[in-house]
């Protein structure tokens, strides 16, 4: 079944001279992911068109394509990404097409999503809402050309004609694992 060969005996050649190359999964970005290591604290906004993995602390907003938040990581700011996996702490809102809250996460803030999954043991306190386009109108995020639309003229409403602003009560939800006691 297995054959051995050494330097003196050449390796057997295939009948076809074309060598099959391993298939690589197509990536969205041609560069390696950016990593914020556990001993690093970043203050300010992070913006990337590629992937970011955060294992340290970010005091500011994060705007990227794919984001993985490690178990020891902390983000104090808003997150906007195509896909977000949260294993650590987020104190701020999350806007993403796909959101996964892992069992080790602790999220305090609102989530606007297209697809949403929560593992048993995850902590989430805030509002969660589905959206067909959660990344629309995200400050600092460039729109893909497919989303570009002509700008329409808008006539502002004067404050006298605007209805009175009525504050909405804040709703919170806490998810905890169910006890399956006997």
C-alpha atoms as a PDB file:
ATOM      1  CA  UNK A   1       0.000   0.000   0.000  1.00  0.00           C
ATOM      2  CA  UNK A   2       2.749   2.467   0.912  1.00  0.00           C
ATOM      3  CA  UNK A   3       6.023   2.540  -0.923  1.00  0.00           C
ATOM      4  CA  UNK A   4       9.213   4.045   0.325  1.00  0.00           C
ATOM      5  CA  UNK A   5      11.855   5.726  -1.733  1.00  0.00           C
ATOM      6  CA  UNK A   6      15.104   7.508  -1.002  1.00  0.00           C
ATOM      7  CA  UNK A   7      17.322  10.076  -2.722  1.00  0.00           C
ATOM      8  CA  UNK A   8      18.903   7.451  -4.949  1.00  0.00           C
ATOM      9  CA  UNK A   9      15.574   6.084  -6.164  1.00  0.00           C
ATOM     10  CA  UNK A  10      13.499   8.757  -7.890  1.00  0.00           C
ATOM     11  CA  UNK A  11       9.874   9.146  -6.925  1.00  0.00           C
ATOM     12  CA  UNK A  12       7.430   7.455  -9.275  1.00  0.00           C
ATOM     13  CA  UNK A  13       6.113   9.782 -11.958  1.00  0.00           C
ATOM     14  CA  UNK A  14       2.439   9.996 -12.726  1.00  0.00           C
ATOM     15  CA  UNK A  15       1.312   9.097 -16.222  1.00  0.00           C
ATOM     16  CA  UNK A  16      -0.034  12.608 -16.600  1.00  0.00           C
ATOM     17  CA  UNK A  17       2.650  15.252 -16.228  1.00  0.00           C
ATOM     18  CA  UNK A  18       0.199  17.767 -14.779  1.00  0.00           C
ATOM     19  CA  UNK A  19       0.464  17.662 -11.006  1.00  0.00           C
ATOM     20  CA  UNK A  20      -2.774  18.183  -9.117  1.00  0.00           C
ATOM     21  CA  UNK A  21      -2.530  21.239  -6.920  1.00  0.00           C
ATOM     22  CA  UNK A  22      -4.466  21.343  -3.659  1.00  0.00           C
ATOM     23  CA  UNK A  23      -7.617  23.419  -3.883  1.00  0.00           C
ATOM     24  CA  UNK A  24      -7.516  26.584  -1.802  1.00  0.00           C
ATOM     25  CA  UNK A  25     -10.642  28.203  -0.574  1.00  0.00           C
ATOM     26  CA  UNK A  26     -11.241  31.572  -2.165  1.00  0.00           C
ATOM     27  CA  UNK A  27     -10.653  34.347   0.333  1.00  0.00           C
ATOM     28  CA  UNK A  28     -12.246  37.753   0.364  1.00  0.00           C
ATOM     29  CA  UNK A  29      -8.990  39.464   1.095  1.00  0.00           C
ATOM     30  CA  UNK A  30      -5.592  38.908  -0.448  1.00  0.00           C
ATOM     31  CA  UNK A  31      -3.785  39.898   2.739  1.00  0.00           C
ATOM     32  CA  UNK A  32      -3.376  38.118   6.051  1.00  0.00           C
ATOM     33  CA  UNK A  33      -5.785  38.976   8.870  1.00  0.00           C
ATOM     34  CA  UNK A  34      -4.806  41.800  11.190  1.00  0.00           C
ATOM     35  CA  UNK A  35      -4.332  40.675  14.785  1.00  0.00           C
ATOM     36  CA  UNK A  36      -4.597  42.830  17.900  1.00  0.00           C
ATOM     37  CA  UNK A  37      -2.670  40.729  20.412  1.00  0.00           C
ATOM     38  CA  UNK A  38      -3.642  40.194  24.057  1.00  0.00           C
ATOM     39  CA  UNK A  39      -1.087  42.691  25.404  1.00  0.00           C
ATOM     40  CA  UNK A  40      -2.151  45.513  23.064  1.00  0.00           C
ATOM     41  CA  UNK A  41      -4.565  48.364  23.859  1.00  0.00           C
ATOM     42  CA  UNK A  42      -5.827  50.392  20.901  1.00  0.00           C
ATOM     43  CA  UNK A  43      -7.541  53.731  21.388  1.00  0.00           C
ATOM     44  CA  UNK A  44      -9.395  55.006  18.336  1.00  0.00           C
ATOM     45  CA  UNK A  45     -11.292  53.680  15.348  1.00  0.00           C
ATOM     46  CA  UNK A  46     -10.127  50.537  13.540  1.00  0.00           C
ATOM     47  CA  UNK A  47     -11.074  50.354   9.853  1.00  0.00           C
ATOM     48  CA  UNK A  48     -10.081  47.517   7.527  1.00  0.00           C
ATOM     49  CA  UNK A  49     -11.392  46.012   4.304  1.00  0.00           C
ATOM     50  CA  UNK A  50      -9.959  42.664   5.411  1.00  0.00           C
ATOM     51  CA  UNK A  51     -10.254  40.416   8.450  1.00  0.00           C
ATOM     52  CA  UNK A  52      -9.399  41.412  12.026  1.00  0.00           C
ATOM     53  CA  UNK A  53      -8.873  39.231  15.076  1.00  0.00           C
ATOM     54  CA  UNK A  54      -8.910  41.058  18.400  1.00  0.00           C
ATOM     55  CA  UNK A  55      -7.406  39.425  21.468  1.00  0.00           C
ATOM     56  CA  UNK A  56      -6.544  42.669  23.282  1.00  0.00           C
ATOM     57  CA  UNK A  57      -8.527  45.798  24.144  1.00  0.00           C
ATOM     58  CA  UNK A  58     -10.035  48.329  21.738  1.00  0.00           C
ATOM     59  CA  UNK A  59     -11.403  51.622  23.048  1.00  0.00           C
ATOM     60  CA  UNK A  60     -13.226  52.805  19.948  1.00  0.00           C
ATOM     61  CA  UNK A  61     -15.245  51.626  16.974  1.00  0.00           C
ATOM     62  CA  UNK A  62     -14.324  48.696  14.718  1.00  0.00           C
ATOM     63  CA  UNK A  63     -15.326  48.636  11.043  1.00  0.00           C
ATOM     64  CA  UNK A  64     -14.158  45.618   9.015  1.00  0.00           C
ATOM     65  CA  UNK A  65     -15.129  42.748   6.752  1.00  0.00           C
ATOM     66  CA  UNK A  66     -14.834  39.813   9.177  1.00  0.00           C
ATOM     67  CA  UNK A  67     -14.175  40.154  12.894  1.00  0.00           C
ATOM     68  CA  UNK A  68     -13.266  37.565  15.516  1.00  0.00           C
ATOM     69  CA  UNK A  69     -13.274  38.761  19.126  1.00  0.00           C
ATOM     70  CA  UNK A  70     -11.165  36.444  21.293  1.00  0.00           C
ATOM     71  CA  UNK A  71     -12.112  35.158  24.754  1.00  0.00           C
ATOM     72  CA  UNK A  72      -9.889  37.665  26.618  1.00  0.00           C
ATOM     73  CA  UNK A  73     -10.703  40.587  24.294  1.00  0.00           C
ATOM     74  CA  UNK A  74     -12.672  43.726  25.172  1.00  0.00           C
ATOM     75  CA  UNK A  75     -14.205  46.206  22.736  1.00  0.00           C
ATOM     76  CA  UNK A  76     -15.625  49.409  24.172  1.00  0.00           C
ATOM     77  CA  UNK A  77     -17.297  50.861  21.098  1.00  0.00           C
ATOM     78  CA  UNK A  78     -19.493  50.011  18.152  1.00  0.00           C
ATOM     79  CA  UNK A  79     -18.805  47.152  15.723  1.00  0.00           C
ATOM     80  CA  UNK A  80     -19.769  47.023  12.024  1.00  0.00           C
ATOM     81  CA  UNK A  81     -18.775  44.015   9.905  1.00  0.00           C
ATOM     82  CA  UNK A  82     -20.026  41.459   7.416  1.00  0.00           C
ATOM     83  CA  UNK A  83     -19.453  38.634   9.912  1.00  0.00           C
ATOM     84  CA  UNK A  84     -18.761  38.849  13.659  1.00  0.00           C
ATOM     85  CA  UNK A  85     -17.832  36.043  16.038  1.00  0.00           C
ATOM     86  CA  UNK A  86     -17.847  37.157  19.678  1.00  0.00           C
ATOM     87  CA  UNK A  87     -16.020  35.045  22.251  1.00  0.00           C
ATOM     88  CA  UNK A  88     -15.010  37.927  24.538  1.00  0.00           C
ATOM     89  CA  UNK A  89     -16.612  41.193  25.734  1.00  0.00           C
ATOM     90  CA  UNK A  90     -18.309  43.919  23.718  1.00  0.00           C
ATOM     91  CA  UNK A  91     -19.688  47.068  25.300  1.00  0.00           C
ATOM     92  CA  UNK A  92     -21.437  48.762  22.386  1.00  0.00           C
ATOM     93  CA  UNK A  93     -23.649  48.015  19.426  1.00  0.00           C
ATOM     94  CA  UNK A  94     -22.994  45.343  16.791  1.00  0.00           C
ATOM     95  CA  UNK A  95     -24.191  45.702  13.189  1.00  0.00           C
ATOM     96  CA  UNK A  96     -23.408  42.728  10.970  1.00  0.00           C
ATOM     97  CA  UNK A  97     -24.859  40.422   8.371  1.00  0.00           C
ATOM     98  CA  UNK A  98     -23.904  37.346  10.450  1.00  0.00           C
ATOM     99  CA  UNK A  99     -23.433  37.399  14.224  1.00  0.00           C
ATOM    100  CA  UNK A 100     -22.347  34.471  16.393  1.00  0.00           C
ATOM    101  CA  UNK A 101     -22.346  34.854  20.171  1.00  0.00           C
ATOM    102  CA  UNK A 102     -20.135  32.063  21.516  1.00  0.00           C
ATOM    103  CA  UNK A 103     -20.666  30.481  24.930  1.00  0.00           C
ATOM    104  CA  UNK A 104     -17.841  32.576  26.452  1.00  0.00           C
ATOM    105  CA  UNK A 105     -19.074  35.980  25.268  1.00  0.00           C
ATOM    106  CA  UNK A 106     -20.430  38.916  27.256  1.00  0.00           C
ATOM    107  CA  UNK A 107     -22.244  41.505  25.116  1.00  0.00           C
ATOM    108  CA  UNK A 108     -23.812  44.690  26.493  1.00  0.00           C
ATOM    109  CA  UNK A 109     -25.417  46.576  23.625  1.00  0.00           C
ATOM    110  CA  UNK A 110     -27.822  46.364  20.731  1.00  0.00           C
ATOM    111  CA  UNK A 111     -27.402  43.963  17.811  1.00  0.00           C
ATOM    112  CA  UNK A 112     -28.704  44.637  14.303  1.00  0.00           C
ATOM    113  CA  UNK A 113     -28.268  41.535  12.138  1.00  0.00           C
ATOM    114  CA  UNK A 114     -29.319  39.550   9.106  1.00  0.00           C
ATOM    115  CA  UNK A 115     -28.434  36.144  10.633  1.00  0.00           C
ATOM    116  CA  UNK A 116     -27.976  35.569  14.379  1.00  0.00           C
ATOM    117  CA  UNK A 117     -26.831  32.560  16.441  1.00  0.00           C
ATOM    118  CA  UNK A 118     -26.306  32.198  20.184  1.00  0.00           C
ATOM    119  CA  UNK A 119     -24.508  29.352  21.909  1.00  0.00           C
ATOM    120  CA  UNK A 120     -25.601  28.065  25.311  1.00  0.00           C
ATOM    121  CA  UNK A 121     -23.911  30.079  28.064  1.00  0.00           C
ATOM    122  CA  UNK A 122     -23.568  33.323  26.104  1.00  0.00           C
ATOM    123  CA  UNK A 123     -24.425  36.544  27.956  1.00  0.00           C
ATOM    124  CA  UNK A 124     -26.301  39.202  25.995  1.00  0.00           C
ATOM    125  CA  UNK A 125     -27.972  42.275  27.438  1.00  0.00           C
ATOM    126  CA  UNK A 126     -29.569  44.621  24.952  1.00  0.00           C
ATOM    127  CA  UNK A 127     -31.944  44.781  22.023  1.00  0.00           C
ATOM    128  CA  UNK A 128     -31.684  42.405  19.098  1.00  0.00           C
ATOM    129  CA  UNK A 129     -33.308  43.222  15.779  1.00  0.00           C
ATOM    130  CA  UNK A 130     -33.299  41.630  12.322  1.00  0.00           C
ATOM    131  CA  UNK A 131     -32.522  43.769   9.283  1.00  0.00           C
ATOM    132  CA  UNK A 132     -32.212  42.933   5.591  1.00  0.00           C
ATOM    133  CA  UNK A 133     -29.321  45.406   5.364  1.00  0.00           C
ATOM    134  CA  UNK A 134     -27.804  45.946   8.820  1.00  0.00           C
ATOM    135  CA  UNK A 135     -24.772  47.787   7.424  1.00  0.00           C
ATOM    136  CA  UNK A 136     -26.753  50.535   5.710  1.00  0.00           C
ATOM    137  CA  UNK A 137     -25.943  54.029   6.969  1.00  0.00           C
ATOM    138  CA  UNK A 138     -22.961  52.959   9.093  1.00  0.00           C
ATOM    139  CA  UNK A 139     -20.757  56.034   9.594  1.00  0.00           C
ATOM    140  CA  UNK A 140     -17.306  55.624   8.041  1.00  0.00           C
ATOM    141  CA  UNK A 141     -18.271  52.550   6.014  1.00  0.00           C
ATOM    142  CA  UNK A 142     -17.994  52.832   2.235  1.00  0.00           C
ATOM    143  CA  UNK A 143     -20.965  51.487   0.317  1.00  0.00           C
ATOM    144  CA  UNK A 144     -20.284  48.891  -2.360  1.00  0.00           C
ATOM    145  CA  UNK A 145     -21.102  50.137  -5.858  1.00  0.00           C
ATOM    146  CA  UNK A 146     -24.075  47.771  -5.981  1.00  0.00           C
ATOM    147  CA  UNK A 147     -25.632  49.675  -3.069  1.00  0.00           C
ATOM    148  CA  UNK A 148     -25.040  53.130  -4.537  1.00  0.00           C
ATOM    149  CA  UNK A 149     -28.209  54.952  -5.416  1.00  0.00           C
ATOM    150  CA  UNK A 150     -28.903  58.402  -6.791  1.00  0.00           C
ATOM    151  CA  UNK A 151     -29.275  61.069  -4.165  1.00  0.00           C
ATOM    152  CA  UNK A 152     -32.745  62.575  -3.864  1.00  0.00           C
ATOM    153  CA  UNK A 153     -33.442  66.096  -2.744  1.00  0.00           C
ATOM    154  CA  UNK A 154     -35.073  66.371   0.665  1.00  0.00           C
ATOM    155  CA  UNK A 155     -37.023  69.290   2.050  1.00  0.00           C
ATOM    156  CA  UNK A 156     -36.308  69.715   5.754  1.00  0.00           C
ATOM    157  CA  UNK A 157     -39.206  69.725   8.195  1.00  0.00           C
ATOM    158  CA  UNK A 158     -39.348  72.677  10.508  1.00  0.00           C
ATOM    159  CA  UNK A 159     -39.444  72.017  14.231  1.00  0.00           C
ATOM    160  CA  UNK A 160     -42.937  73.507  14.440  1.00  0.00           C
ATOM    161  CA  UNK A 161     -44.317  70.875  12.012  1.00  0.00           C
ATOM    162  CA  UNK A 162     -42.463  67.935  13.558  1.00  0.00           C
ATOM    163  CA  UNK A 163     -44.419  65.733  15.968  1.00  0.00           C
ATOM    164  CA  UNK A 164     -43.288  65.778  19.575  1.00  0.00           C
ATOM    165  CA  UNK A 165     -40.490  63.332  20.288  1.00  0.00           C
ATOM    166  CA  UNK A 166     -41.720  60.638  22.612  1.00  0.00           C
ATOM    167  CA  UNK A 167     -39.013  58.622  24.332  1.00  0.00           C
ATOM    168  CA  UNK A 168     -39.395  54.861  24.035  1.00  0.00           C
ATOM    169  CA  UNK A 169     -38.840  52.720  27.088  1.00  0.00           C
ATOM    170  CA  UNK A 170     -35.632  50.704  26.928  1.00  0.00           C
ATOM    171  CA  UNK A 171     -36.106  46.965  26.672  1.00  0.00           C
ATOM    172  CA  UNK A 172     -33.415  44.586  27.815  1.00  0.00           C
ATOM    173  CA  UNK A 173     -33.004  40.859  27.574  1.00  0.00           C
ATOM    174  CA  UNK A 174     -30.632  38.539  29.367  1.00  0.00           C
ATOM    175  CA  UNK A 175     -29.953  35.098  27.966  1.00  0.00           C
ATOM    176  CA  UNK A 176     -28.753  32.367  30.277  1.00  0.00           C
ATOM    177  CA  UNK A 177     -28.617  28.586  29.867  1.00  0.00           C
ATOM    178  CA  UNK A 178     -31.692  26.671  30.886  1.00  0.00           C
ATOM    179  CA  UNK A 179     -31.391  24.432  33.902  1.00  0.00           C
ATOM    180  CA  UNK A 180     -32.220  20.859  33.022  1.00  0.00           C
ATOM    181  CA  UNK A 181     -32.480  19.653  36.596  1.00  0.00           C
ATOM    182  CA  UNK A 182     -34.290  16.474  37.503  1.00  0.00           C
END
